[in-house]
């Protein structure tokens, strides 16, 4: 998941509207990352956008959640007209792995 996110952030087009931030440290000391994906616009338009929160891997054994999140992230940062429309109208806050400790420990 980290490699996928880093690849997206290195892409010239998607790094204009995709931002990675650290939400916190987990109990095991791992970083909990989140992405913000939205188109740039003036402050008034930005304030009118509604937020959408998307999370995955709350339960570490739900490996299919990572694949679903990968597909969602790849779509929302793509050049598809639908993705552009969504970025123009919403602010996406994405937590790709909400329980990294459980995933890392193999629970």
PDB file of N, CA and C in Angstrom:
ATOM      1  N   UNK A   1       0.832  -1.186   0.000  1.00  0.00           N
ATOM      2  CA  UNK A   1       0.000   0.000   0.000  1.00  0.00           C
ATOM      3  C   UNK A   1       0.871   1.242   0.000  1.00  0.00           C
ATOM      4  N   UNK A   2       1.919   1.264   0.816  1.00  0.00           N
ATOM      5  CA  UNK A   2       2.816   2.421   0.834  1.00  0.00           C
ATOM      6  C   UNK A   2       3.497   2.623  -0.511  1.00  0.00           C
ATOM      7  N   UNK A   3       3.897   1.530  -1.156  1.00  0.00           N
ATOM      8  CA  UNK A   3       4.537   1.636  -2.466  1.00  0.00           C
ATOM      9  C   UNK A   3       3.559   2.199  -3.498  1.00  0.00           C
ATOM     10  N   UNK A   4       2.298   1.761  -3.438  1.00  0.00           N
ATOM     11  CA  UNK A   4       1.282   2.293  -4.348  1.00  0.00           C
ATOM     12  C   UNK A   4       1.090   3.787  -4.140  1.00  0.00           C
ATOM     13  N   UNK A   5       1.001   4.202  -2.893  1.00  0.00           N
ATOM     14  CA  UNK A   5       0.795   5.624  -2.588  1.00  0.00           C
ATOM     15  C   UNK A   5       1.994   6.445  -3.037  1.00  0.00           C
ATOM     16  N   UNK A   6       3.199   5.953  -2.775  1.00  0.00           N
ATOM     17  CA  UNK A   6       4.399   6.675  -3.207  1.00  0.00           C
ATOM     18  C   UNK A   6       4.447   6.809  -4.725  1.00  0.00           C
ATOM     19  N   UNK A   7       4.039   5.757  -5.442  1.00  0.00           N
ATOM     20  CA  UNK A   7       4.002   5.797  -6.903  1.00  0.00           C
ATOM     21  C   UNK A   7       3.027   6.873  -7.375  1.00  0.00           C
ATOM     22  N   UNK A   8       1.876   6.950  -6.757  1.00  0.00           N
ATOM     23  CA  UNK A   8       0.873   7.958  -7.121  1.00  0.00           C
ATOM     24  C   UNK A   8       1.408   9.357  -6.851  1.00  0.00           C
ATOM     25  N   UNK A   9       2.058   9.545  -5.719  1.00  0.00           N
ATOM     26  CA  UNK A   9       2.563  10.867  -5.348  1.00  0.00           C
ATOM     27  C   UNK A   9       3.723  11.314  -6.236  1.00  0.00           C
ATOM     28  N   UNK A  10       4.416  10.382  -6.876  1.00  0.00           N
ATOM     29  CA  UNK A  10       5.505  10.731  -7.779  1.00  0.00           C
ATOM     30  C   UNK A  10       4.997  11.111  -9.168  1.00  0.00           C
ATOM     31  N   UNK A  11       3.773  10.741  -9.491  1.00  0.00           N
ATOM     32  CA  UNK A  11       3.200  11.041 -10.803  1.00  0.00           C
ATOM     33  C   UNK A  11       2.912  12.534 -10.905  1.00  0.00           C
ATOM     34  N   UNK A  12       3.392  13.158 -11.971  1.00  0.00           N
ATOM     35  CA  UNK A  12       3.296  14.618 -12.132  1.00  0.00           C
ATOM     36  C   UNK A  12       1.873  15.141 -12.019  1.00  0.00           C
ATOM     37  N   UNK A  13       0.929  14.490 -12.681  1.00  0.00           N
ATOM     38  CA  UNK A  13      -0.447  15.002 -12.680  1.00  0.00           C
ATOM     39  C   UNK A  13      -1.122  14.814 -11.326  1.00  0.00           C
ATOM     40  N   UNK A  14      -1.036  13.620 -10.740  1.00  0.00           N
ATOM     41  CA  UNK A  14      -1.772  13.351  -9.503  1.00  0.00           C
ATOM     42  C   UNK A  14      -1.192  14.062  -8.289  1.00  0.00           C
ATOM     43  N   UNK A  15       0.092  14.413  -8.316  1.00  0.00           N
ATOM     44  CA  UNK A  15       0.642  15.083  -7.137  1.00  0.00           C
ATOM     45  C   UNK A  15       0.166  16.525  -7.010  1.00  0.00           C
ATOM     46  N   UNK A  16      -0.537  17.026  -8.042  1.00  0.00           N
ATOM     47  CA  UNK A  16      -1.117  18.363  -7.962  1.00  0.00           C
ATOM     48  C   UNK A  16      -2.367  18.397  -7.099  1.00  0.00           C
ATOM     49  N   UNK A  17      -3.027  17.246  -6.912  1.00  0.00           N
ATOM     50  CA  UNK A  17      -4.266  17.228  -6.139  1.00  0.00           C
ATOM     51  C   UNK A  17      -4.313  16.115  -5.097  1.00  0.00           C
ATOM     52  N   UNK A  18      -3.175  15.476  -4.832  1.00  0.00           N
ATOM     53  CA  UNK A  18      -3.100  14.396  -3.849  1.00  0.00           C
ATOM     54  C   UNK A  18      -2.032  14.741  -2.823  1.00  0.00           C
ATOM     55  N   UNK A  19      -2.421  14.684  -1.549  1.00  0.00           N
ATOM     56  CA  UNK A  19      -1.498  15.048  -0.466  1.00  0.00           C
ATOM     57  C   UNK A  19      -1.496  13.953   0.593  1.00  0.00           C
ATOM     58  N   UNK A  20      -0.320  13.577   1.048  1.00  0.00           N
ATOM     59  CA  UNK A  20      -0.157  12.541   2.071  1.00  0.00           C
ATOM     60  C   UNK A  20       0.235  13.217   3.372  1.00  0.00           C
ATOM     61  N   UNK A  21      -0.461  12.865   4.441  1.00  0.00           N
ATOM     62  CA  UNK A  21      -0.168  13.426   5.761  1.00  0.00           C
ATOM     63  C   UNK A  21      -0.199  12.322   6.808  1.00  0.00           C
ATOM     64  N   UNK A  22       0.530  12.548   7.884  1.00  0.00           N
ATOM     65  CA  UNK A  22       0.510  11.603   8.998  1.00  0.00           C
ATOM     66  C   UNK A  22      -0.611  11.997   9.943  1.00  0.00           C
ATOM     67  N   UNK A  23      -1.506  11.056  10.210  1.00  0.00           N
ATOM     68  CA  UNK A  23      -2.606  11.301  11.129  1.00  0.00           C
ATOM     69  C   UNK A  23      -2.112  11.191  12.571  1.00  0.00           C
ATOM     70  N   UNK A  24      -1.342  10.140  12.839  1.00  0.00           N
ATOM     71  CA  UNK A  24      -0.841   9.908  14.195  1.00  0.00           C
ATOM     72  C   UNK A  24       0.144   8.745  14.167  1.00  0.00           C
ATOM     73  N   UNK A  25       0.661   8.432  15.330  1.00  0.00           N
ATOM     74  CA  UNK A  25       1.452   7.214  15.539  1.00  0.00           C
ATOM     75  C   UNK A  25       0.533   6.192  16.189  1.00  0.00           C
ATOM     76  N   UNK A  26       0.669   4.945  15.781  1.00  0.00           N
ATOM     77  CA  UNK A  26      -0.133   3.886  16.378  1.00  0.00           C
ATOM     78  C   UNK A  26       0.478   3.473  17.717  1.00  0.00           C
ATOM     79  N   UNK A  27      -0.192   2.585  18.433  1.00  0.00           N
ATOM     80  CA  UNK A  27       0.325   2.109  19.717  1.00  0.00           C
ATOM     81  C   UNK A  27       1.672   1.415  19.569  1.00  0.00           C
ATOM     82  N   UNK A  28       1.916   0.810  18.403  1.00  0.00           N
ATOM     83  CA  UNK A  28       3.204   0.150  18.145  1.00  0.00           C
ATOM     84  C   UNK A  28       4.231   1.091  17.536  1.00  0.00           C
ATOM     85  N   UNK A  29       3.875   2.342  17.378  1.00  0.00           N
ATOM     86  CA  UNK A  29       4.820   3.324  16.854  1.00  0.00           C
ATOM     87  C   UNK A  29       4.863   3.444  15.342  1.00  0.00           C
ATOM     88  N   UNK A  30       3.912   2.820  14.652  1.00  0.00           N
ATOM     89  CA  UNK A  30       3.848   2.945  13.196  1.00  0.00           C
ATOM     90  C   UNK A  30       3.102   4.220  12.811  1.00  0.00           C
ATOM     91  N   UNK A  31       3.422   4.749  11.649  1.00  0.00           N
ATOM     92  CA  UNK A  31       2.717   5.929  11.156  1.00  0.00           C
ATOM     93  C   UNK A  31       1.372   5.525  10.584  1.00  0.00           C
ATOM     94  N   UNK A  32       0.347   6.310  10.896  1.00  0.00           N
ATOM     95  CA  UNK A  32      -0.963   6.133  10.297  1.00  0.00           C
ATOM     96  C   UNK A  32      -1.145   7.277   9.303  1.00  0.00           C
ATOM     97  N   UNK A  33      -1.122   6.945   8.018  1.00  0.00           N
ATOM     98  CA  UNK A  33      -1.165   7.933   6.952  1.00  0.00           C
ATOM     99  C   UNK A  33      -2.584   8.125   6.447  1.00  0.00           C
ATOM    100  N   UNK A  34      -2.850   9.317   5.944  1.00  0.00           N
ATOM    101  CA  UNK A  34      -4.080   9.563   5.207  1.00  0.00           C
ATOM    102  C   UNK A  34      -3.772  10.428   3.999  1.00  0.00           C
ATOM    103  N   UNK A  35      -4.633  10.324   3.007  1.00  0.00           N
ATOM    104  CA  UNK A  35      -4.498  11.111   1.787  1.00  0.00           C
ATOM    105  C   UNK A  35      -5.643  12.107   1.709  1.00  0.00           C
ATOM    106  N   UNK A  36      -5.349  13.265   1.165  1.00  0.00           N
ATOM    107  CA  UNK A  36      -6.376  14.223   0.790  1.00  0.00           C
ATOM    108  C   UNK A  36      -6.333  14.332  -0.717  1.00  0.00           C
ATOM    109  N   UNK A  37      -7.470  14.128  -1.360  1.00  0.00           N
ATOM    110  CA  UNK A  37      -7.554  14.208  -2.815  1.00  0.00           C
ATOM    111  C   UNK A  37      -8.675  15.187  -3.163  1.00  0.00           C
ATOM    112  N   UNK A  38      -8.329  16.281  -3.829  1.00  0.00           N
ATOM    113  CA  UNK A  38      -9.306  17.267  -4.272  1.00  0.00           C
ATOM    114  C   UNK A  38      -8.654  18.199  -5.290  1.00  0.00           C
ATOM    115  N   UNK A  39      -9.464  18.769  -6.154  1.00  0.00           N
ATOM    116  CA  UNK A  39      -8.961  19.744  -7.120  1.00  0.00           C
ATOM    117  C   UNK A  39      -8.749  21.080  -6.430  1.00  0.00           C
ATOM    118  N   UNK A  40      -7.797  21.837  -6.937  1.00  0.00           N
ATOM    119  CA  UNK A  40      -7.556  23.183  -6.418  1.00  0.00           C
ATOM    120  C   UNK A  40      -8.601  24.132  -6.973  1.00  0.00           C
ATOM    121  N   UNK A  41      -9.029  25.054  -6.143  1.00  0.00           N
ATOM    122  CA  UNK A  41      -9.960  26.096  -6.567  1.00  0.00           C
ATOM    123  C   UNK A  41      -9.834  27.250  -5.585  1.00  0.00           C
ATOM    124  N   UNK A  42     -10.569  28.313  -5.830  1.00  0.00           N
ATOM    125  CA  UNK A  42     -10.473  29.461  -4.925  1.00  0.00           C
ATOM    126  C   UNK A  42     -11.044  29.097  -3.548  1.00  0.00           C
ATOM    127  N   UNK A  43     -10.720  29.910  -2.551  1.00  0.00           N
ATOM    128  CA  UNK A  43     -11.093  29.606  -1.167  1.00  0.00           C
ATOM    129  C   UNK A  43     -12.596  29.454  -0.962  1.00  0.00           C
ATOM    130  N   UNK A  44     -13.398  30.303  -1.608  1.00  0.00           N
ATOM    131  CA  UNK A  44     -14.847  30.210  -1.439  1.00  0.00           C
ATOM    132  C   UNK A  44     -15.388  28.889  -1.968  1.00  0.00           C
ATOM    133  N   UNK A  45     -14.936  28.482  -3.134  1.00  0.00           N
ATOM    134  CA  UNK A  45     -15.383  27.210  -3.711  1.00  0.00           C
ATOM    135  C   UNK A  45     -14.895  26.040  -2.867  1.00  0.00           C
ATOM    136  N   UNK A  46     -13.676  26.142  -2.365  1.00  0.00           N
ATOM    137  CA  UNK A  46     -13.117  25.061  -1.539  1.00  0.00           C
ATOM    138  C   UNK A  46     -13.937  24.873  -0.268  1.00  0.00           C
ATOM    139  N   UNK A  47     -14.369  25.962   0.343  1.00  0.00           N
ATOM    140  CA  UNK A  47     -15.155  25.890   1.577  1.00  0.00           C
ATOM    141  C   UNK A  47     -16.532  25.279   1.344  1.00  0.00           C
ATOM    142  N   UNK A  48     -17.035  25.357   0.130  1.00  0.00           N
ATOM    143  CA  UNK A  48     -18.360  24.817  -0.184  1.00  0.00           C
ATOM    144  C   UNK A  48     -18.328  23.323  -0.493  1.00  0.00           C
ATOM    145  N   UNK A  49     -17.143  22.780  -0.720  1.00  0.00           N
ATOM    146  CA  UNK A  49     -17.037  21.355  -1.033  1.00  0.00           C
ATOM    147  C   UNK A  49     -17.371  20.518   0.204  1.00  0.00           C
ATOM    148  N   UNK A  50     -18.065  19.434  -0.011  1.00  0.00           N
ATOM    149  CA  UNK A  50     -18.350  18.490   1.062  1.00  0.00           C
ATOM    150  C   UNK A  50     -17.220  17.474   1.139  1.00  0.00           C
ATOM    151  N   UNK A  51     -17.015  16.942   2.332  1.00  0.00           N
ATOM    152  CA  UNK A  51     -15.968  15.956   2.534  1.00  0.00           C
ATOM    153  C   UNK A  51     -16.508  14.541   2.487  1.00  0.00           C
ATOM    154  N   UNK A  52     -15.687  13.647   1.998  1.00  0.00           N
ATOM    155  CA  UNK A  52     -16.001  12.221   1.970  1.00  0.00           C
ATOM    156  C   UNK A  52     -14.815  11.486   2.585  1.00  0.00           C
ATOM    157  N   UNK A  53     -15.082  10.674   3.604  1.00  0.00           N
ATOM    158  CA  UNK A  53     -14.041   9.897   4.273  1.00  0.00           C
ATOM    159  C   UNK A  53     -14.161   8.441   3.826  1.00  0.00           C
ATOM    160  N   UNK A  54     -13.034   7.876   3.377  1.00  0.00           N
ATOM    161  CA  UNK A  54     -12.999   6.487   2.928  1.00  0.00           C
ATOM    162  C   UNK A  54     -11.891   5.790   3.714  1.00  0.00           C
ATOM    163  N   UNK A  55     -12.225   4.671   4.374  1.00  0.00           N
ATOM    164  CA  UNK A  55     -11.229   3.928   5.156  1.00  0.00           C
ATOM    165  C   UNK A  55     -11.216   2.463   4.732  1.00  0.00           C
ATOM    166  N   UNK A  56     -10.138   1.796   5.124  1.00  0.00           N
ATOM    167  CA  UNK A  56      -9.978   0.384   4.804  1.00  0.00           C
ATOM    168  C   UNK A  56      -9.107  -0.271   5.870  1.00  0.00           C
ATOM    169  N   UNK A  57      -9.190  -1.574   5.960  1.00  0.00           N
ATOM    170  CA  UNK A  57      -8.375  -2.429   6.831  1.00  0.00           C
ATOM    171  C   UNK A  57      -8.530  -2.096   8.308  1.00  0.00           C
ATOM    172  N   UNK A  58      -9.777  -1.892   8.739  1.00  0.00           N
ATOM    173  CA  UNK A  58     -10.055  -1.764  10.163  1.00  0.00           C
ATOM    174  C   UNK A  58      -9.755  -3.095  10.844  1.00  0.00           C
ATOM    175  N   UNK A  59     -10.183  -4.168  10.211  1.00  0.00           N
ATOM    176  CA  UNK A  59      -9.865  -5.517  10.669  1.00  0.00           C
ATOM    177  C   UNK A  59      -8.733  -6.033   9.788  1.00  0.00           C
ATOM    178  N   UNK A  60      -7.595  -6.364  10.363  1.00  0.00           N
ATOM    179  CA  UNK A  60      -6.411  -6.687   9.561  1.00  0.00           C
ATOM    180  C   UNK A  60      -6.569  -7.899   8.648  1.00  0.00           C
ATOM    181  N   UNK A  61      -7.485  -8.796   8.959  1.00  0.00           N
ATOM    182  CA  UNK A  61      -7.666  -9.980   8.132  1.00  0.00           C
ATOM    183  C   UNK A  61      -8.464  -9.726   6.869  1.00  0.00           C
ATOM    184  N   UNK A  62      -8.986  -8.522   6.712  1.00  0.00           N
ATOM    185  CA  UNK A  62      -9.798  -8.191   5.536  1.00  0.00           C
ATOM    186  C   UNK A  62      -8.894  -7.734   4.391  1.00  0.00           C
ATOM    187  N   UNK A  63      -8.122  -8.680   3.854  1.00  0.00           N
ATOM    188  CA  UNK A  63      -7.152  -8.336   2.817  1.00  0.00           C
ATOM    189  C   UNK A  63      -7.817  -7.797   1.563  1.00  0.00           C
ATOM    190  N   UNK A  64      -9.051  -8.214   1.300  1.00  0.00           N
ATOM    191  CA  UNK A  64      -9.738  -7.701   0.112  1.00  0.00           C
ATOM    192  C   UNK A  64      -9.960  -6.192   0.223  1.00  0.00           C
ATOM    193  N   UNK A  65      -9.982  -5.652   1.440  1.00  0.00           N
ATOM    194  CA  UNK A  65     -10.119  -4.208   1.630  1.00  0.00           C
ATOM    195  C   UNK A  65      -8.969  -3.438   1.003  1.00  0.00           C
ATOM    196  N   UNK A  66      -7.767  -3.997   1.063  1.00  0.00           N
ATOM    197  CA  UNK A  66      -6.618  -3.332   0.445  1.00  0.00           C
ATOM    198  C   UNK A  66      -6.763  -3.266  -1.065  1.00  0.00           C
ATOM    199  N   UNK A  67      -7.280  -4.338  -1.652  1.00  0.00           N
ATOM    200  CA  UNK A  67      -7.462  -4.349  -3.103  1.00  0.00           C
ATOM    201  C   UNK A  67      -8.570  -3.379  -3.527  1.00  0.00           C
ATOM    202  N   UNK A  68      -9.632  -3.304  -2.740  1.00  0.00           N
ATOM    203  CA  UNK A  68     -10.704  -2.352  -3.044  1.00  0.00           C
ATOM    204  C   UNK A  68     -10.188  -0.917  -2.913  1.00  0.00           C
ATOM    205  N   UNK A  69      -9.414  -0.657  -1.865  1.00  0.00           N
ATOM    206  CA  UNK A  69      -8.866   0.683  -1.661  1.00  0.00           C
ATOM    207  C   UNK A  69      -7.899   1.038  -2.782  1.00  0.00           C
ATOM    208  N   UNK A  70      -7.086   0.080  -3.191  1.00  0.00           N
ATOM    209  CA  UNK A  70      -6.148   0.323  -4.288  1.00  0.00           C
ATOM    210  C   UNK A  70      -6.900   0.741  -5.551  1.00  0.00           C
ATOM    211  N   UNK A  71      -7.966   0.032  -5.858  1.00  0.00           N
ATOM    212  CA  UNK A  71      -8.765   0.370  -7.030  1.00  0.00           C
ATOM    213  C   UNK A  71      -9.410   1.739  -6.898  1.00  0.00           C
ATOM    214  N   UNK A  72      -9.921   2.052  -5.707  1.00  0.00           N
ATOM    215  CA  UNK A  72     -10.549   3.358  -5.496  1.00  0.00           C
ATOM    216  C   UNK A  72      -9.536   4.492  -5.651  1.00  0.00           C
ATOM    217  N   UNK A  73      -8.377   4.344  -5.025  1.00  0.00           N
ATOM    218  CA  UNK A  73      -7.356   5.390  -5.117  1.00  0.00           C
ATOM    219  C   UNK A  73      -6.887   5.556  -6.558  1.00  0.00           C
ATOM    220  N   UNK A  74      -6.630   4.440  -7.239  1.00  0.00           N
ATOM    221  CA  UNK A  74      -6.207   4.531  -8.642  1.00  0.00           C
ATOM    222  C   UNK A  74      -7.253   5.250  -9.490  1.00  0.00           C
ATOM    223  N   UNK A  75      -8.537   5.005  -9.198  1.00  0.00           N
ATOM    224  CA  UNK A  75      -9.584   5.694  -9.948  1.00  0.00           C
ATOM    225  C   UNK A  75      -9.643   7.180  -9.604  1.00  0.00           C
ATOM    226  N   UNK A  76      -9.672   7.525  -8.331  1.00  0.00           N
ATOM    227  CA  UNK A  76      -9.922   8.914  -7.927  1.00  0.00           C
ATOM    228  C   UNK A  76      -8.768   9.844  -8.330  1.00  0.00           C
ATOM    229  N   UNK A  77      -7.577   9.310  -8.548  1.00  0.00           N
ATOM    230  CA  UNK A  77      -6.452  10.140  -9.000  1.00  0.00           C
ATOM    231  C   UNK A  77      -6.235  10.030 -10.513  1.00  0.00           C
ATOM    232  N   UNK A  78      -7.113   9.318 -11.192  1.00  0.00           N
ATOM    233  CA  UNK A  78      -6.946   9.094 -12.627  1.00  0.00           C
ATOM    234  C   UNK A  78      -7.404  10.313 -13.435  1.00  0.00           C
ATOM    235  N   UNK A  79      -7.190  10.227 -14.742  1.00  0.00           N
ATOM    236  CA  UNK A  79      -7.606  11.303 -15.644  1.00  0.00           C
ATOM    237  C   UNK A  79      -9.024  11.097 -16.173  1.00  0.00           C
ATOM    238  N   UNK A  80      -9.743  10.111 -15.645  1.00  0.00           N
ATOM    239  CA  UNK A  80     -11.127   9.874 -16.070  1.00  0.00           C
ATOM    240  C   UNK A  80     -11.983  11.102 -15.773  1.00  0.00           C
ATOM    241  N   UNK A  81     -12.886  11.417 -16.678  1.00  0.00           N
ATOM    242  CA  UNK A  81     -13.757  12.583 -16.505  1.00  0.00           C
ATOM    243  C   UNK A  81     -14.563  12.487 -15.209  1.00  0.00           C
ATOM    244  N   UNK A  82     -15.022  11.279 -14.872  1.00  0.00           N
ATOM    245  CA  UNK A  82     -15.796  11.093 -13.638  1.00  0.00           C
ATOM    246  C   UNK A  82     -14.952  11.397 -12.410  1.00  0.00           C
ATOM    247  N   UNK A  83     -13.693  10.990 -12.433  1.00  0.00           N
ATOM    248  CA  UNK A  83     -12.792  11.256 -11.304  1.00  0.00           C
ATOM    249  C   UNK A  83     -12.537  12.755 -11.177  1.00  0.00           C
ATOM    250  N   UNK A  84     -12.330  13.430 -12.304  1.00  0.00           N
ATOM    251  CA  UNK A  84     -12.125  14.882 -12.281  1.00  0.00           C
ATOM    252  C   UNK A  84     -13.345  15.585 -11.707  1.00  0.00           C
ATOM    253  N   UNK A  85     -14.533  15.154 -12.121  1.00  0.00           N
ATOM    254  CA  UNK A  85     -15.774  15.745 -11.616  1.00  0.00           C
ATOM    255  C   UNK A  85     -15.890  15.555 -10.105  1.00  0.00           C
ATOM    256  N   UNK A  86     -15.565  14.367  -9.624  1.00  0.00           N
ATOM    257  CA  UNK A  86     -15.611  14.108  -8.182  1.00  0.00           C
ATOM    258  C   UNK A  86     -14.602  14.981  -7.434  1.00  0.00           C
ATOM    259  N   UNK A  87     -13.383  15.098  -7.954  1.00  0.00           N
ATOM    260  CA  UNK A  87     -12.366  15.935  -7.299  1.00  0.00           C
ATOM    261  C   UNK A  87     -12.763  17.407  -7.308  1.00  0.00           C
ATOM    262  N   UNK A  88     -13.458  17.842  -8.358  1.00  0.00           N
ATOM    263  CA  UNK A  88     -13.895  19.237  -8.436  1.00  0.00           C
ATOM    264  C   UNK A  88     -14.987  19.564  -7.429  1.00  0.00           C
ATOM    265  N   UNK A  89     -15.751  18.562  -7.013  1.00  0.00           N
ATOM    266  CA  UNK A  89     -16.909  18.811  -6.162  1.00  0.00           C
ATOM    267  C   UNK A  89     -16.783  18.319  -4.724  1.00  0.00           C
ATOM    268  N   UNK A  90     -15.777  17.516  -4.437  1.00  0.00           N
ATOM    269  CA  UNK A  90     -15.639  16.941  -3.096  1.00  0.00           C
ATOM    270  C   UNK A  90     -14.184  16.971  -2.637  1.00  0.00           C
ATOM    271  N   UNK A  91     -14.011  16.868  -1.340  1.00  0.00           N
ATOM    272  CA  UNK A  91     -12.692  16.681  -0.731  1.00  0.00           C
ATOM    273  C   UNK A  91     -12.689  15.271  -0.154  1.00  0.00           C
ATOM    274  N   UNK A  92     -11.806  14.440  -0.654  1.00  0.00           N
ATOM    275  CA  UNK A  92     -11.703  13.059  -0.183  1.00  0.00           C
ATOM    276  C   UNK A  92     -10.600  12.954   0.857  1.00  0.00           C
ATOM    277  N   UNK A  93     -10.940  12.416   2.007  1.00  0.00           N
ATOM    278  CA  UNK A  93      -9.967  12.064   3.044  1.00  0.00           C
ATOM    279  C   UNK A  93      -9.930  10.540   3.064  1.00  0.00           C
ATOM    280  N   UNK A  94      -8.784   9.982   2.743  1.00  0.00           N
ATOM    281  CA  UNK A  94      -8.657   8.539   2.556  1.00  0.00           C
ATOM    282  C   UNK A  94      -7.645   7.975   3.541  1.00  0.00           C
ATOM    283  N   UNK A  95      -8.087   7.008   4.353  1.00  0.00           N
ATOM    284  CA  UNK A  95      -7.185   6.287   5.260  1.00  0.00           C
ATOM    285  C   UNK A  95      -7.087   4.867   4.708  1.00  0.00           C
ATOM    286  N   UNK A  96      -6.019   4.577   3.947  1.00  0.00           N
ATOM    287  CA  UNK A  96      -5.933   3.289   3.254  1.00  0.00           C
ATOM    288  C   UNK A  96      -5.800   2.087   4.187  1.00  0.00           C
ATOM    289  N   UNK A  97      -5.220   2.296   5.363  1.00  0.00           N
ATOM    290  CA  UNK A  97      -5.037   1.187   6.300  1.00  0.00           C
ATOM    291  C   UNK A  97      -5.197   1.747   7.708  1.00  0.00           C
ATOM    292  N   UNK A  98      -6.384   1.571   8.273  1.00  0.00           N
ATOM    293  CA  UNK A  98      -6.687   2.197   9.553  1.00  0.00           C
ATOM    294  C   UNK A  98      -6.110   1.406  10.739  1.00  0.00           C
ATOM    295  N   UNK A  99      -5.680   0.166  10.495  1.00  0.00           N
ATOM    296  CA  UNK A  99      -5.090  -0.666  11.550  1.00  0.00           C
ATOM    297  C   UNK A  99      -3.772  -1.270  11.069  1.00  0.00           C
ATOM    298  N   UNK A 100      -2.751  -0.433  10.837  1.00  0.00           N
ATOM    299  CA  UNK A 100      -1.488  -0.982  10.339  1.00  0.00           C
ATOM    300  C   UNK A 100      -0.816  -1.933  11.328  1.00  0.00           C
ATOM    301  N   UNK A 101      -0.995  -1.714  12.626  1.00  0.00           N
ATOM    302  CA  UNK A 101      -0.375  -2.614  13.611  1.00  0.00           C
ATOM    303  C   UNK A 101      -0.853  -4.052  13.425  1.00  0.00           C
ATOM    304  N   UNK A 102      -2.154  -4.225  13.265  1.00  0.00           N
ATOM    305  CA  UNK A 102      -2.697  -5.558  13.072  1.00  0.00           C
ATOM    306  C   UNK A 102      -2.224  -6.199  11.784  1.00  0.00           C
ATOM    307  N   UNK A 103      -2.133  -5.392  10.730  1.00  0.00           N
ATOM    308  CA  UNK A 103      -1.665  -5.909   9.441  1.00  0.00           C
ATOM    309  C   UNK A 103      -0.185  -6.292   9.527  1.00  0.00           C
ATOM    310  N   UNK A 104       0.622  -5.415  10.103  1.00  0.00           N
ATOM    311  CA  UNK A 104       2.068  -5.672  10.215  1.00  0.00           C
ATOM    312  C   UNK A 104       2.339  -6.904  11.075  1.00  0.00           C
ATOM    313  N   UNK A 105       1.552  -7.081  12.138  1.00  0.00           N
ATOM    314  CA  UNK A 105       1.754  -8.222  13.044  1.00  0.00           C
ATOM    315  C   UNK A 105       1.101  -9.499  12.541  1.00  0.00           C
ATOM    316  N   UNK A 106       0.400  -9.418  11.414  1.00  0.00           N
ATOM    317  CA  UNK A 106      -0.182 -10.611  10.804  1.00  0.00           C
ATOM    318  C   UNK A 106      -1.428 -11.129  11.498  1.00  0.00           C
ATOM    319  N   UNK A 107      -2.149 -10.259  12.189  1.00  0.00           N
ATOM    320  CA  UNK A 107      -3.374 -10.702  12.873  1.00  0.00           C
ATOM    321  C   UNK A 107      -4.491 -10.972  11.888  1.00  0.00           C
TER     322      UNK A 107
END
